[in-house]
Amino acid sequence: MIRYDTQFVKDAGEFYLPETRRWFTFKPNLDDEWGLKHDLIHKIDVLDGYRCGIVRKGVAYIAVDQNEHGYPVLERWSITKRRIFQPEAA
């Protein structure tokens, strides 16, 4: 069973993007070296895989490309209904 807990920002969760009327899930970025190098602490699940980014309470910054110097080009999404998943203690 999963309960919602909004106090932890380094755990998996979900959010709603009103612009597209879609839910997205995210989890900690533990293995994407490029994303970690640029402090993109989350992996956001999108239809064609995942994107690195940062999910905050009301906004998500998603890496959509990289510039000629290798730095991320971030897109700002205004999000709602962010929820953090915490596994139920056994």
PDB file of N, CA and C in Angstrom:
ATOM      1  N   MET A   1       0.840  -1.185   0.000  1.00  0.00           N
ATOM      2  CA  MET A   1       0.000   0.000   0.000  1.00  0.00           C
ATOM      3  C   MET A   1       0.882   1.245   0.000  1.00  0.00           C
ATOM      4  N   ILE A   2       0.471   2.261  -0.728  1.00  0.00           N
ATOM      5  CA  ILE A   2       1.226   3.511  -0.821  1.00  0.00           C
ATOM      6  C   ILE A   2       0.413   4.613  -0.165  1.00  0.00           C
ATOM      7  N   ARG A   3       1.094   5.440   0.635  1.00  0.00           N
ATOM      8  CA  ARG A   3       0.427   6.619   1.189  1.00  0.00           C
ATOM      9  C   ARG A   3       1.103   7.849   0.616  1.00  0.00           C
ATOM     10  N   TYR A   4       0.437   8.985   0.622  1.00  0.00           N
ATOM     11  CA  TYR A   4       1.005  10.217   0.104  1.00  0.00           C
ATOM     12  C   TYR A   4       1.652  10.990   1.237  1.00  0.00           C
ATOM     13  N   ASP A   5       2.833  11.528   0.972  1.00  0.00           N
ATOM     14  CA  ASP A   5       3.542  12.331   1.958  1.00  0.00           C
ATOM     15  C   ASP A   5       4.244  13.451   1.209  1.00  0.00           C
ATOM     16  N   THR A   6       3.902  14.693   1.488  1.00  0.00           N
ATOM     17  CA  THR A   6       4.450  15.816   0.738  1.00  0.00           C
ATOM     18  C   THR A   6       5.697  16.407   1.373  1.00  0.00           C
ATOM     19  N   GLN A   7       6.271  15.789   2.389  1.00  0.00           N
ATOM     20  CA  GLN A   7       7.436  16.352   3.061  1.00  0.00           C
ATOM     21  C   GLN A   7       8.760  15.927   2.432  1.00  0.00           C
ATOM     22  N   PHE A   8       8.798  14.895   1.670  1.00  0.00           N
ATOM     23  CA  PHE A   8      10.053  14.355   1.151  1.00  0.00           C
ATOM     24  C   PHE A   8      10.167  14.658  -0.338  1.00  0.00           C
ATOM     25  N   VAL A   9      11.226  15.361  -0.751  1.00  0.00           N
ATOM     26  CA  VAL A   9      11.369  15.740  -2.154  1.00  0.00           C
ATOM     27  C   VAL A   9      12.330  14.836  -2.914  1.00  0.00           C
ATOM     28  N   LYS A  10      12.943  13.889  -2.257  1.00  0.00           N
ATOM     29  CA  LYS A  10      13.892  13.024  -2.950  1.00  0.00           C
ATOM     30  C   LYS A  10      13.319  11.638  -3.222  1.00  0.00           C
ATOM     31  N   ASP A  11      12.021  11.475  -3.102  1.00  0.00           N
ATOM     32  CA  ASP A  11      11.379  10.194  -3.333  1.00  0.00           C
ATOM     33  C   ASP A  11      10.508  10.250  -4.579  1.00  0.00           C
ATOM     34  N   ALA A  12      10.024   9.101  -4.973  1.00  0.00           N
ATOM     35  CA  ALA A  12       9.187   9.012  -6.162  1.00  0.00           C
ATOM     36  C   ALA A  12       7.828   9.650  -5.912  1.00  0.00           C
ATOM     37  N   GLY A  13       7.206  10.105  -6.994  1.00  0.00           N
ATOM     38  CA  GLY A  13       5.891  10.722  -6.865  1.00  0.00           C
ATOM     39  C   GLY A  13       5.255  10.953  -8.216  1.00  0.00           C
ATOM     40  N   GLU A  14       4.256  11.830  -8.227  1.00  0.00           N
ATOM     41  CA  GLU A  14       3.542  12.157  -9.442  1.00  0.00           C
ATOM     42  C   GLU A  14       3.089  13.604  -9.382  1.00  0.00           C
ATOM     43  N   PHE A  15       2.766  14.156 -10.543  1.00  0.00           N
ATOM     44  CA  PHE A  15       2.194  15.488 -10.605  1.00  0.00           C
ATOM     45  C   PHE A  15       1.303  15.584 -11.825  1.00  0.00           C
ATOM     46  N   TYR A  16       0.461  16.616 -11.828  1.00  0.00           N
ATOM     47  CA  TYR A  16      -0.503  16.834 -12.907  1.00  0.00           C
ATOM     48  C   TYR A  16      -0.098  18.088 -13.665  1.00  0.00           C
ATOM     49  N   LEU A  17      -0.109  18.008 -14.996  1.00  0.00           N
ATOM     50  CA  LEU A  17       0.178  19.153 -15.851  1.00  0.00           C
ATOM     51  C   LEU A  17      -1.140  19.606 -16.484  1.00  0.00           C
ATOM     52  N   PRO A  18      -1.752  20.687 -15.948  1.00  0.00           N
ATOM     53  CA  PRO A  18      -3.068  21.116 -16.455  1.00  0.00           C
ATOM     54  C   PRO A  18      -3.067  21.480 -17.936  1.00  0.00           C
ATOM     55  N   GLU A  19      -1.967  21.993 -18.425  1.00  0.00           N
ATOM     56  CA  GLU A  19      -1.883  22.409 -19.830  1.00  0.00           C
ATOM     57  C   GLU A  19      -2.198  21.267 -20.790  1.00  0.00           C
ATOM     58  N   THR A  20      -1.733  20.061 -20.455  1.00  0.00           N
ATOM     59  CA  THR A  20      -1.963  18.898 -21.309  1.00  0.00           C
ATOM     60  C   THR A  20      -2.986  17.926 -20.722  1.00  0.00           C
ATOM     61  N   ARG A  21      -3.423  18.202 -19.500  1.00  0.00           N
ATOM     62  CA  ARG A  21      -4.346  17.320 -18.779  1.00  0.00           C
ATOM     63  C   ARG A  21      -3.793  15.904 -18.631  1.00  0.00           C
ATOM     64  N   ARG A  22      -2.517  15.827 -18.246  1.00  0.00           N
ATOM     65  CA  ARG A  22      -1.859  14.526 -18.071  1.00  0.00           C
ATOM     66  C   ARG A  22      -1.134  14.455 -16.737  1.00  0.00           C
ATOM     67  N   TRP A  23      -1.052  13.226 -16.235  1.00  0.00           N
ATOM     68  CA  TRP A  23      -0.282  12.938 -15.027  1.00  0.00           C
ATOM     69  C   TRP A  23       1.098  12.452 -15.435  1.00  0.00           C
ATOM     70  N   PHE A  24       2.122  12.828 -14.690  1.00  0.00           N
ATOM     71  CA  PHE A  24       3.485  12.368 -14.904  1.00  0.00           C
ATOM     72  C   PHE A  24       4.022  11.809 -13.595  1.00  0.00           C
ATOM     73  N   THR A  25       4.812  10.763 -13.697  1.00  0.00           N
ATOM     74  CA  THR A  25       5.485  10.232 -12.515  1.00  0.00           C
ATOM     75  C   THR A  25       6.947  10.643 -12.558  1.00  0.00           C
ATOM     76  N   PHE A  26       7.568  10.679 -11.381  1.00  0.00           N
ATOM     77  CA  PHE A  26       8.984  10.999 -11.303  1.00  0.00           C
ATOM     78  C   PHE A  26       9.624  10.186 -10.195  1.00  0.00           C
ATOM     79  N   LYS A  27      10.939  10.053 -10.274  1.00  0.00           N
ATOM     80  CA  LYS A  27      11.701   9.325  -9.260  1.00  0.00           C
ATOM     81  C   LYS A  27      13.068   9.977  -9.138  1.00  0.00           C
ATOM     82  N   PRO A  28      13.803   9.639  -8.093  1.00  0.00           N
ATOM     83  CA  PRO A  28      15.138  10.221  -7.945  1.00  0.00           C
ATOM     84  C   PRO A  28      16.054   9.805  -9.091  1.00  0.00           C
ATOM     85  N   ASN A  29      16.887  10.715  -9.524  1.00  0.00           N
ATOM     86  CA  ASN A  29      17.878  10.417 -10.558  1.00  0.00           C
ATOM     87  C   ASN A  29      19.115   9.866  -9.856  1.00  0.00           C
ATOM     88  N   LEU A  30      19.318   8.578  -9.963  1.00  0.00           N
ATOM     89  CA  LEU A  30      20.453   7.935  -9.303  1.00  0.00           C
ATOM     90  C   LEU A  30      21.515   7.460 -10.281  1.00  0.00           C
ATOM     91  N   ASP A  31      21.202   7.444 -11.579  1.00  0.00           N
ATOM     92  CA  ASP A  31      22.125   6.806 -12.517  1.00  0.00           C
ATOM     93  C   ASP A  31      22.382   7.568 -13.814  1.00  0.00           C
ATOM     94  N   ASP A  32      21.717   8.662 -14.060  1.00  0.00           N
ATOM     95  CA  ASP A  32      21.954   9.423 -15.278  1.00  0.00           C
ATOM     96  C   ASP A  32      23.062  10.440 -15.008  1.00  0.00           C
ATOM     97  N   GLU A  33      24.266  10.123 -15.457  1.00  0.00           N
ATOM     98  CA  GLU A  33      25.433  10.949 -15.141  1.00  0.00           C
ATOM     99  C   GLU A  33      25.318  12.366 -15.668  1.00  0.00           C
ATOM    100  N   TRP A  34      24.795  12.548 -16.888  1.00  0.00           N
ATOM    101  CA  TRP A  34      24.652  13.889 -17.449  1.00  0.00           C
ATOM    102  C   TRP A  34      23.715  14.733 -16.594  1.00  0.00           C
ATOM    103  N   GLY A  35      22.587  14.147 -16.225  1.00  0.00           N
ATOM    104  CA  GLY A  35      21.628  14.870 -15.395  1.00  0.00           C
ATOM    105  C   GLY A  35      22.193  15.216 -14.035  1.00  0.00           C
ATOM    106  N   LEU A  36      22.870  14.276 -13.415  1.00  0.00           N
ATOM    107  CA  LEU A  36      23.461  14.533 -12.104  1.00  0.00           C
ATOM    108  C   LEU A  36      24.545  15.596 -12.176  1.00  0.00           C
ATOM    109  N   LYS A  37      25.300  15.598 -13.264  1.00  0.00           N
ATOM    110  CA  LYS A  37      26.348  16.606 -13.453  1.00  0.00           C
ATOM    111  C   LYS A  37      25.760  18.017 -13.468  1.00  0.00           C
ATOM    112  N   HIS A  38      24.518  18.140 -13.931  1.00  0.00           N
ATOM    113  CA  HIS A  38      23.863  19.437 -14.028  1.00  0.00           C
ATOM    114  C   HIS A  38      22.806  19.632 -12.936  1.00  0.00           C
ATOM    115  N   ASP A  39      22.911  18.872 -11.854  1.00  0.00           N
ATOM    116  CA  ASP A  39      22.025  18.996 -10.681  1.00  0.00           C
ATOM    117  C   ASP A  39      20.551  18.754 -11.004  1.00  0.00           C
ATOM    118  N   LEU A  40      20.281  17.907 -11.967  1.00  0.00           N
ATOM    119  CA  LEU A  40      18.905  17.523 -12.294  1.00  0.00           C
ATOM    120  C   LEU A  40      18.598  16.265 -11.489  1.00  0.00           C
ATOM    121  N   ILE A  41      17.962  16.443 -10.347  1.00  0.00           N
ATOM    122  CA  ILE A  41      17.858  15.391  -9.338  1.00  0.00           C
ATOM    123  C   ILE A  41      16.705  14.417  -9.551  1.00  0.00           C
ATOM    124  N   HIS A  42      15.842  14.679 -10.534  1.00  0.00           N
ATOM    125  CA  HIS A  42      14.718  13.783 -10.790  1.00  0.00           C
ATOM    126  C   HIS A  42      14.728  13.262 -12.226  1.00  0.00           C
ATOM    127  N   LYS A  43      14.103  12.095 -12.400  1.00  0.00           N
ATOM    128  CA  LYS A  43      13.832  11.537 -13.719  1.00  0.00           C
ATOM    129  C   LYS A  43      12.316  11.527 -13.887  1.00  0.00           C
ATOM    130  N   ILE A  44      11.833  12.259 -14.875  1.00  0.00           N
ATOM    131  CA  ILE A  44      10.401  12.380 -15.122  1.00  0.00           C
ATOM    132  C   ILE A  44      10.034  11.448 -16.267  1.00  0.00           C
ATOM    133  N   ASP A  45       9.069  10.582 -16.019  1.00  0.00           N
ATOM    134  CA  ASP A  45       8.640   9.614 -17.020  1.00  0.00           C
ATOM    135  C   ASP A  45       7.745  10.310 -18.047  1.00  0.00           C
ATOM    136  N   VAL A  46       8.184  10.292 -19.310  1.00  0.00           N
ATOM    137  CA  VAL A  46       7.389  10.832 -20.413  1.00  0.00           C
ATOM    138  C   VAL A  46       7.117   9.691 -21.384  1.00  0.00           C
ATOM    139  N   LEU A  47       6.294   9.927 -22.374  1.00  0.00           N
ATOM    140  CA  LEU A  47       5.861   8.833 -23.254  1.00  0.00           C
ATOM    141  C   LEU A  47       7.003   8.146 -23.990  1.00  0.00           C
ATOM    142  N   ASP A  48       8.062   8.878 -24.338  1.00  0.00           N
ATOM    143  CA  ASP A  48       9.155   8.282 -25.106  1.00  0.00           C
ATOM    144  C   ASP A  48      10.379   7.952 -24.247  1.00  0.00           C
ATOM    145  N   GLY A  49      10.197   7.770 -22.960  1.00  0.00           N
ATOM    146  CA  GLY A  49      11.301   7.439 -22.058  1.00  0.00           C
ATOM    147  C   GLY A  49      11.253   8.299 -20.813  1.00  0.00           C
ATOM    148  N   TYR A  50      12.356   8.954 -20.503  1.00  0.00           N
ATOM    149  CA  TYR A  50      12.374   9.845 -19.353  1.00  0.00           C
ATOM    150  C   TYR A  50      13.172  11.097 -19.696  1.00  0.00           C
ATOM    151  N   ARG A  51      12.940  12.132 -18.925  1.00  0.00           N
ATOM    152  CA  ARG A  51      13.697  13.383 -19.018  1.00  0.00           C
ATOM    153  C   ARG A  51      14.209  13.714 -17.629  1.00  0.00           C
ATOM    154  N   CYS A  52      15.395  14.262 -17.565  1.00  0.00           N
ATOM    155  CA  CYS A  52      15.937  14.721 -16.290  1.00  0.00           C
ATOM    156  C   CYS A  52      15.344  16.083 -15.974  1.00  0.00           C
ATOM    157  N   GLY A  53      15.200  16.367 -14.702  1.00  0.00           N
ATOM    158  CA  GLY A  53      14.651  17.653 -14.309  1.00  0.00           C
ATOM    159  C   GLY A  53      14.638  17.829 -12.813  1.00  0.00           C
ATOM    160  N   ILE A  54      13.923  18.854 -12.394  1.00  0.00           N
ATOM    161  CA  ILE A  54      13.738  19.158 -10.979  1.00  0.00           C
ATOM    162  C   ILE A  54      12.253  19.396 -10.765  1.00  0.00           C
ATOM    163  N   VAL A  55      11.657  18.654  -9.844  1.00  0.00           N
ATOM    164  CA  VAL A  55      10.233  18.795  -9.547  1.00  0.00           C
ATOM    165  C   VAL A  55      10.100  19.489  -8.199  1.00  0.00           C
ATOM    166  N   ARG A  56       9.448  20.630  -8.199  1.00  0.00           N
ATOM    167  CA  ARG A  56       9.162  21.389  -6.982  1.00  0.00           C
ATOM    168  C   ARG A  56       7.656  21.285  -6.705  1.00  0.00           C
ATOM    169  N   LYS A  57       7.198  22.020  -5.700  1.00  0.00           N
ATOM    170  CA  LYS A  57       5.796  21.913  -5.316  1.00  0.00           C
ATOM    171  C   LYS A  57       4.843  22.376  -6.416  1.00  0.00           C
ATOM    172  N   GLY A  58       5.118  23.503  -7.076  1.00  0.00           N
ATOM    173  CA  GLY A  58       4.198  24.025  -8.080  1.00  0.00           C
ATOM    174  C   GLY A  58       4.796  24.191  -9.453  1.00  0.00           C
ATOM    175  N   VAL A  59       6.042  23.764  -9.625  1.00  0.00           N
ATOM    176  CA  VAL A  59       6.710  23.924 -10.915  1.00  0.00           C
ATOM    177  C   VAL A  59       7.689  22.776 -11.124  1.00  0.00           C
ATOM    178  N   ALA A  60       7.858  22.399 -12.374  1.00  0.00           N
ATOM    179  CA  ALA A  60       8.860  21.389 -12.737  1.00  0.00           C
ATOM    180  C   ALA A  60       9.728  21.988 -13.840  1.00  0.00           C
ATOM    181  N   TYR A  61      11.021  21.807 -13.721  1.00  0.00           N
ATOM    182  CA  TYR A  61      11.966  22.241 -14.747  1.00  0.00           C
ATOM    183  C   TYR A  61      12.463  20.987 -15.451  1.00  0.00           C
ATOM    184  N   ILE A  62      12.169  20.865 -16.732  1.00  0.00           N
ATOM    185  CA  ILE A  62      12.437  19.657 -17.506  1.00  0.00           C
ATOM    186  C   ILE A  62      13.498  19.954 -18.558  1.00  0.00           C
ATOM    187  N   ALA A  63      14.536  19.113 -18.610  1.00  0.00           N
ATOM    188  CA  ALA A  63      15.563  19.259 -19.647  1.00  0.00           C
ATOM    189  C   ALA A  63      15.000  18.715 -20.956  1.00  0.00           C
ATOM    190  N   VAL A  64      14.859  19.604 -21.932  1.00  0.00           N
ATOM    191  CA  VAL A  64      14.292  19.202 -23.227  1.00  0.00           C
ATOM    192  C   VAL A  64      15.348  19.114 -24.313  1.00  0.00           C
ATOM    193  N   ASP A  65      16.530  19.649 -24.055  1.00  0.00           N
ATOM    194  CA  ASP A  65      17.605  19.654 -25.043  1.00  0.00           C
ATOM    195  C   ASP A  65      18.887  20.062 -24.320  1.00  0.00           C
ATOM    196  N   GLN A  66      19.973  20.136 -25.063  1.00  0.00           N
ATOM    197  CA  GLN A  66      21.200  20.705 -24.518  1.00  0.00           C
ATOM    198  C   GLN A  66      21.774  21.685 -25.527  1.00  0.00           C
ATOM    199  N   ASN A  67      22.415  22.738 -25.007  1.00  0.00           N
ATOM    200  CA  ASN A  67      22.953  23.762 -25.907  1.00  0.00           C
ATOM    201  C   ASN A  67      24.300  23.329 -26.469  1.00  0.00           C
ATOM    202  N   GLU A  68      24.944  24.208 -27.242  1.00  0.00           N
ATOM    203  CA  GLU A  68      26.210  23.854 -27.899  1.00  0.00           C
ATOM    204  C   GLU A  68      27.348  23.599 -26.917  1.00  0.00           C
ATOM    205  N   HIS A  69      27.172  24.032 -25.649  1.00  0.00           N
ATOM    206  CA  HIS A  69      28.206  23.817 -24.636  1.00  0.00           C
ATOM    207  C   HIS A  69      27.906  22.605 -23.756  1.00  0.00           C
ATOM    208  N   GLY A  70      26.812  21.911 -24.035  1.00  0.00           N
ATOM    209  CA  GLY A  70      26.458  20.718 -23.280  1.00  0.00           C
ATOM    210  C   GLY A  70      25.601  20.975 -22.057  1.00  0.00           C
ATOM    211  N   TYR A  71      25.158  22.218 -21.854  1.00  0.00           N
ATOM    212  CA  TYR A  71      24.306  22.539 -20.717  1.00  0.00           C
ATOM    213  C   TYR A  71      22.847  22.291 -21.061  1.00  0.00           C
ATOM    214  N   PRO A  72      22.036  21.931 -20.063  1.00  0.00           N
ATOM    215  CA  PRO A  72      20.631  21.640 -20.355  1.00  0.00           C
ATOM    216  C   PRO A  72      19.837  22.883 -20.734  1.00  0.00           C
ATOM    217  N   VAL A  73      18.925  22.693 -21.664  1.00  0.00           N
ATOM    218  CA  VAL A  73      17.920  23.702 -21.983  1.00  0.00           C
ATOM    219  C   VAL A  73      16.667  23.266 -21.225  1.00  0.00           C
ATOM    220  N   LEU A  74      16.239  24.079 -20.267  1.00  0.00           N
ATOM    221  CA  LEU A  74      15.137  23.708 -19.390  1.00  0.00           C
ATOM    222  C   LEU A  74      13.831  24.352 -19.836  1.00  0.00           C
ATOM    223  N   GLU A  75      12.771  23.564 -19.721  1.00  0.00           N
ATOM    224  CA  GLU A  75      11.422  24.052 -19.984  1.00  0.00           C
ATOM    225  C   GLU A  75      10.701  24.094 -18.643  1.00  0.00           C
ATOM    226  N   ARG A  76       9.981  25.198 -18.379  1.00  0.00           N
ATOM    227  CA  ARG A  76       9.283  25.352 -17.104  1.00  0.00           C
ATOM    228  C   ARG A  76       7.833  24.920 -17.274  1.00  0.00           C
ATOM    229  N   TRP A  77       7.412  23.953 -16.425  1.00  0.00           N
ATOM    230  CA  TRP A  77       6.033  23.494 -16.436  1.00  0.00           C
ATOM    231  C   TRP A  77       5.359  23.938 -15.149  1.00  0.00           C
ATOM    232  N   SER A  78       4.224  24.596 -15.231  1.00  0.00           N
ATOM    233  CA  SER A  78       3.422  24.915 -14.049  1.00  0.00           C
ATOM    234  C   SER A  78       2.576  23.692 -13.730  1.00  0.00           C
ATOM    235  N   ILE A  79       2.822  23.083 -12.587  1.00  0.00           N
ATOM    236  CA  ILE A  79       2.179  21.814 -12.242  1.00  0.00           C
ATOM    237  C   ILE A  79       1.266  21.994 -11.035  1.00  0.00           C
ATOM    238  N   THR A  80       0.397  21.017 -10.840  1.00  0.00           N
ATOM    239  CA  THR A  80      -0.482  20.974  -9.672  1.00  0.00           C
ATOM    240  C   THR A  80      -0.514  19.551  -9.151  1.00  0.00           C
ATOM    241  N   LYS A  81      -1.093  19.373  -8.002  1.00  0.00           N
ATOM    242  CA  LYS A  81      -1.366  18.047  -7.420  1.00  0.00           C
ATOM    243  C   LYS A  81      -0.110  17.195  -7.273  1.00  0.00           C
ATOM    244  N   ARG A  82       1.022  17.791  -6.927  1.00  0.00           N
ATOM    245  CA  ARG A  82       2.235  16.993  -6.720  1.00  0.00           C
ATOM    246  C   ARG A  82       2.058  16.129  -5.491  1.00  0.00           C
ATOM    247  N   ARG A  83       2.359  14.865  -5.631  1.00  0.00           N
ATOM    248  CA  ARG A  83       2.244  13.894  -4.534  1.00  0.00           C
ATOM    249  C   ARG A  83       3.529  13.095  -4.458  1.00  0.00           C
ATOM    250  N   ILE A  84       3.948  12.817  -3.260  1.00  0.00           N
ATOM    251  CA  ILE A  84       5.140  12.012  -3.029  1.00  0.00           C
ATOM    252  C   ILE A  84       4.698  10.646  -2.519  1.00  0.00           C
ATOM    253  N   PHE A  85       5.241   9.587  -3.120  1.00  0.00           N
ATOM    254  CA  PHE A  85       4.908   8.224  -2.699  1.00  0.00           C
ATOM    255  C   PHE A  85       5.857   7.786  -1.601  1.00  0.00           C
ATOM    256  N   GLN A  86       5.305   7.293  -0.537  1.00  0.00           N
ATOM    257  CA  GLN A  86       6.092   6.686   0.536  1.00  0.00           C
ATOM    258  C   GLN A  86       5.539   5.290   0.771  1.00  0.00           C
ATOM    259  N   PRO A  87       6.414   4.274   0.706  1.00  0.00           N
ATOM    260  CA  PRO A  87       5.920   2.914   0.964  1.00  0.00           C
ATOM    261  C   PRO A  87       5.408   2.801   2.387  1.00  0.00           C
ATOM    262  N   GLU A  88       4.341   2.063   2.555  1.00  0.00           N
ATOM    263  CA  GLU A  88       3.768   1.857   3.868  1.00  0.00           C
ATOM    264  C   GLU A  88       4.731   1.028   4.717  1.00  0.00           C
ATOM    265  N   ALA A  89       4.978   1.453   5.925  1.00  0.00           N
ATOM    266  CA  ALA A  89       5.895   0.728   6.826  1.00  0.00           C
ATOM    267  C   ALA A  89       5.295  -0.619   7.177  1.00  0.00           C
ATOM    268  N   ALA A  90       6.148  -1.630   7.176  1.00  0.00           N
ATOM    269  CA  ALA A  90       5.662  -2.998   7.455  1.00  0.00           C
ATOM    270  C   ALA A  90       5.544  -3.249   8.928  1.00  0.00           C
TER     271      ALA A  90
END
